[in-house]
Protein backbone atom coordinates (compact mmCIF):
# COMPACT_ATOMS: atom_id res chain seq x y z
CA MET A 1 -6.34 -20.76 44.77
CA LYS A 2 -3.70 -19.21 42.50
CA LYS A 3 -4.51 -21.76 39.78
CA MET A 4 -8.21 -20.96 40.02
CA THR A 5 -7.53 -17.23 39.75
CA PHE A 6 -5.28 -17.83 36.73
CA VAL A 7 -7.96 -19.95 35.00
CA VAL A 8 -10.67 -17.34 35.67
CA ALA A 9 -8.39 -14.58 34.35
CA LEU A 10 -7.66 -16.55 31.16
CA MET A 11 -11.36 -17.21 30.63
CA ALA A 12 -12.12 -13.51 31.06
CA ILE A 13 -9.40 -12.51 28.58
CA PHE A 14 -10.41 -15.05 25.92
CA GLY A 15 -14.11 -14.39 26.54
CA GLY A 16 -13.49 -10.66 26.05
CA ILE A 17 -11.58 -11.27 22.83
CA HIS A 18 -14.34 -13.54 21.56
CA ALA A 19 -17.09 -11.07 22.53
CA GLN A 20 -15.35 -8.26 20.64
CA SER A 21 -15.16 -10.21 17.41
CA SER A 22 -18.54 -11.91 17.39
CA TYR A 23 -22.05 -10.82 16.50
CA LYS A 24 -25.46 -12.42 16.76
CA GLN A 25 -27.22 -11.16 13.63
CA ALA A 26 -26.39 -9.20 10.50
CA ILE A 27 -28.37 -7.79 7.58
CA GLY A 28 -27.08 -6.40 4.30
CA ALA A 29 -26.33 -7.37 0.71
CA ARG A 30 -24.53 -10.13 -1.18
CA ILE A 31 -23.18 -9.71 -4.72
CA SER A 32 -22.36 -12.66 -6.98
CA PRO A 33 -21.31 -11.07 -10.28
CA LEU A 34 -20.87 -14.32 -12.27
CA SER A 35 -24.34 -15.61 -11.40
CA ASP A 36 -27.39 -15.48 -13.67
CA TYR A 37 -30.19 -15.69 -11.14
CA ASP A 38 -28.82 -14.00 -7.98
CA ILE A 39 -26.43 -11.27 -9.04
CA PHE A 40 -27.63 -9.06 -6.17
CA ALA A 41 -29.28 -10.44 -3.02
CA GLY A 42 -30.46 -9.20 0.32
CA SER A 43 -28.62 -11.13 3.02
CA TYR A 44 -29.53 -12.02 6.60
CA LYS A 45 -27.21 -14.04 8.82
CA VAL A 46 -27.97 -15.30 12.31
CA PHE A 47 -25.87 -17.36 14.69
CA LEU A 48 -27.98 -20.11 16.24
CA ALA A 49 -25.25 -20.96 18.73
CA GLU A 50 -21.54 -20.35 18.39
CA PRO A 51 -20.13 -21.54 15.87
CA SER A 52 -23.30 -22.40 13.86
CA ALA A 53 -24.99 -19.83 11.62
CA ILE A 54 -27.73 -19.70 9.00
CA GLU A 55 -27.50 -17.30 6.05
CA LEU A 56 -30.66 -16.45 4.10
CA ASN A 57 -30.61 -14.65 0.75
CA ALA A 58 -33.33 -13.26 -1.51
CA GLY A 59 -31.95 -12.10 -4.82
CA PHE A 60 -32.52 -11.17 -8.40
CA GLY A 61 -30.57 -11.31 -11.61
CA GLY A 62 -30.94 -11.79 -15.31
CA ASN A 63 -29.16 -12.15 -18.59
CA ARG A 64 -29.52 -11.44 -22.26
CA ASP A 65 -31.02 -14.30 -24.28
CA TYR A 66 -30.00 -14.09 -27.95
CA VAL A 67 -32.45 -15.61 -30.41
CA LEU A 68 -31.72 -15.23 -34.13
CA GLY A 69 -29.41 -12.29 -33.42
CA THR A 70 -32.01 -10.35 -31.44
CA GLY A 71 -31.44 -9.77 -27.74
CA TYR A 72 -34.22 -10.65 -25.33
CA ARG A 73 -33.98 -9.92 -21.65
CA SER A 74 -34.66 -12.44 -18.93
CA SER A 75 -35.01 -11.69 -15.23
CA SER A 76 -34.83 -13.97 -12.21
CA PHE A 77 -35.80 -14.09 -8.56
CA SER A 78 -34.18 -16.51 -6.12
CA VAL A 79 -34.10 -17.54 -2.48
CA SER A 80 -31.38 -19.54 -0.78
CA ALA A 81 -30.51 -20.79 2.68
CA ALA A 82 -27.14 -22.05 3.90
CA TYR A 83 -25.83 -23.57 7.12
CA GLN A 84 -22.32 -22.38 8.04
CA HIS A 85 -19.98 -23.81 10.67
CA HIS A 86 -17.36 -21.20 11.68
CA PHE A 87 -13.77 -21.69 12.85
CA GLU A 88 -11.62 -19.01 14.49
CA ILE A 89 -8.41 -17.83 12.85
CA ALA A 90 -6.30 -17.17 15.94
CA LYS A 91 -3.86 -14.64 14.46
CA VAL A 92 -6.54 -12.21 13.23
CA ASN A 93 -9.13 -11.05 15.74
CA GLY A 94 -12.61 -11.04 14.14
CA LEU A 95 -11.69 -13.28 11.19
CA LYS A 96 -13.26 -16.72 10.82
CA TRP A 97 -13.46 -19.26 8.04
CA PHE A 98 -16.51 -21.42 7.48
CA ILE A 99 -17.81 -24.47 5.66
CA GLY A 100 -21.35 -25.70 5.20
CA GLY A 101 -24.04 -26.26 2.64
CA GLY A 102 -27.45 -25.16 1.51
CA GLY A 103 -30.06 -24.97 -1.17
CA THR A 104 -31.51 -22.52 -3.65
CA ILE A 105 -34.65 -22.14 -5.72
CA PHE A 106 -35.07 -19.62 -8.52
CA HIS A 107 -37.54 -18.63 -11.20
CA THR A 108 -36.59 -16.96 -14.48
CA ALA A 109 -38.97 -15.12 -16.80
CA SER A 110 -38.14 -14.05 -20.34
CA THR A 111 -39.60 -11.67 -22.92
CA TYR A 112 -39.13 -14.39 -25.55
CA LYS A 113 -41.67 -17.20 -25.19
CA SER A 114 -39.41 -20.12 -26.20
CA SER A 115 -36.40 -18.91 -24.20
CA GLY A 116 -34.10 -21.52 -22.64
CA TYR A 117 -33.88 -19.33 -19.55
CA LYS A 118 -37.61 -19.44 -18.82
CA GLY A 119 -38.61 -21.65 -15.87
CA THR A 120 -37.79 -22.73 -12.34
CA GLY A 121 -34.62 -24.27 -10.94
CA VAL A 122 -33.71 -26.00 -7.70
CA GLY A 123 -30.19 -26.70 -6.53
CA LEU A 124 -27.92 -27.74 -3.68
CA PHE A 125 -24.50 -26.34 -2.88
CA PRO A 126 -21.58 -26.83 -0.52
CA THR A 127 -20.16 -23.53 0.68
CA GLY A 128 -16.93 -22.25 2.14
CA GLY A 129 -15.43 -18.88 2.77
CA ALA A 130 -14.16 -16.27 5.18
CA ASP A 131 -16.09 -13.94 7.50
CA TYR A 132 -14.71 -10.80 9.16
CA LYS A 133 -16.36 -8.62 11.82
CA PHE A 134 -14.80 -5.18 12.27
CA LYS A 135 -13.96 -4.48 15.90
CA LYS A 136 -14.97 -0.82 16.20
CA ILE A 137 -17.88 -0.56 13.79
CA PRO A 138 -21.00 -2.73 13.32
CA LEU A 139 -19.89 -4.13 9.95
CA ASN A 140 -19.33 -7.69 8.79
CA VAL A 141 -17.88 -8.65 5.41
CA SER A 142 -17.58 -12.10 3.92
CA ALA A 143 -16.47 -13.87 0.76
CA ASP A 144 -17.72 -17.30 -0.22
CA TRP A 145 -17.83 -19.97 -2.91
CA ARG A 146 -21.05 -21.87 -3.65
CA PRO A 147 -20.56 -24.38 -6.48
CA THR A 148 -24.17 -25.29 -7.23
CA PHE A 149 -25.58 -28.60 -8.46
CA LEU A 150 -28.97 -28.03 -10.11
CA ALA A 151 -31.49 -30.86 -9.74
CA THR A 152 -33.87 -29.11 -12.11
CA ALA A 153 -33.48 -25.96 -14.20
CA PRO A 154 -34.46 -24.29 -17.47
CA THR A 155 -32.65 -25.77 -20.49
CA ALA A 156 -30.14 -22.91 -20.91
CA TYR A 157 -28.65 -23.58 -17.45
CA SER A 158 -25.90 -26.14 -16.92
CA SER A 159 -26.52 -28.77 -14.22
CA PHE A 160 -23.30 -27.68 -12.45
CA LEU A 161 -22.52 -24.01 -11.78
CA GLY A 162 -18.96 -23.95 -10.45
CA ASP A 163 -18.37 -20.21 -10.72
CA ARG A 164 -20.66 -19.04 -7.91
CA PHE A 165 -18.41 -16.71 -5.90
CA GLY A 166 -19.92 -13.96 -3.78
CA VAL A 167 -19.06 -11.13 -1.41
CA ALA A 168 -21.32 -9.69 1.27
CA ALA A 169 -21.39 -6.64 3.52
CA ARG A 170 -23.80 -6.60 6.46
CA TYR A 171 -24.73 -4.36 9.39
CA THR A 172 -24.31 -6.32 12.64
CA PHE A 173 -26.54 -6.15 15.69
């Protein structure tokens, strides 16, 4: 009987710790300052079942396309989806690291008709990062890396985009 009481008490303690640091859904923004096509994105994250989550992003970006010394502006819209598998970091309550992968599709328009940035791109990416849920407020922050392999893209884009780092802040509910 004493062993059973001890096991139930441990489960209650660890369940309480886990409940304080977890969340089911979050909505907010993701910034990827080195990106061309998704510099700023709306972000929605939902846990399907602990520890599996899906993150969806809808973003926009752009860059300056120089043709014969004259700057032309291009703008992009993108959507991406990523699966993330989370792992607890025992020493810091609320902090998890994750790995996973996903895909993205984007479309870039340009004011210059023969721009190398004009067109549609599709890519796949592995992802990894850290996710933190504040204990006393409904806020989640994360940082990730998404090195992207483009299967198709406008000619000005490289087929490998290794500098895709991002940070996100989301309201949890």
